[in-house]
Amino acid sequence: MDQVFKDTKILLIVNSVVLFAAFALYFAIFLYNKNRIENIKTLLGPEANEIVNTVYLIKQRENRSW
């Protein structure tokens, strides 16, 4: 491995940084999406639960048709 990558310690550090960056990006997108959904629910008002449940049922039906 040292002949191919010259220094495996550097390879380990680079791989660790890339893995951490990918995890951080996934976590940031997950939190952003959760926040966006909560904002949409507040904009919909008191009928938000009914609308969200209807959308969820429609998504389930679409997935079954595939």
Foldseek 3Di string as FASTA:
>chain_A
DCVVVVDVVVVVVVVVVVVVVVVVVVVVVVVVVVVVLVVVLVVVPPCSVVVVVVVVVVVVVVVVVD
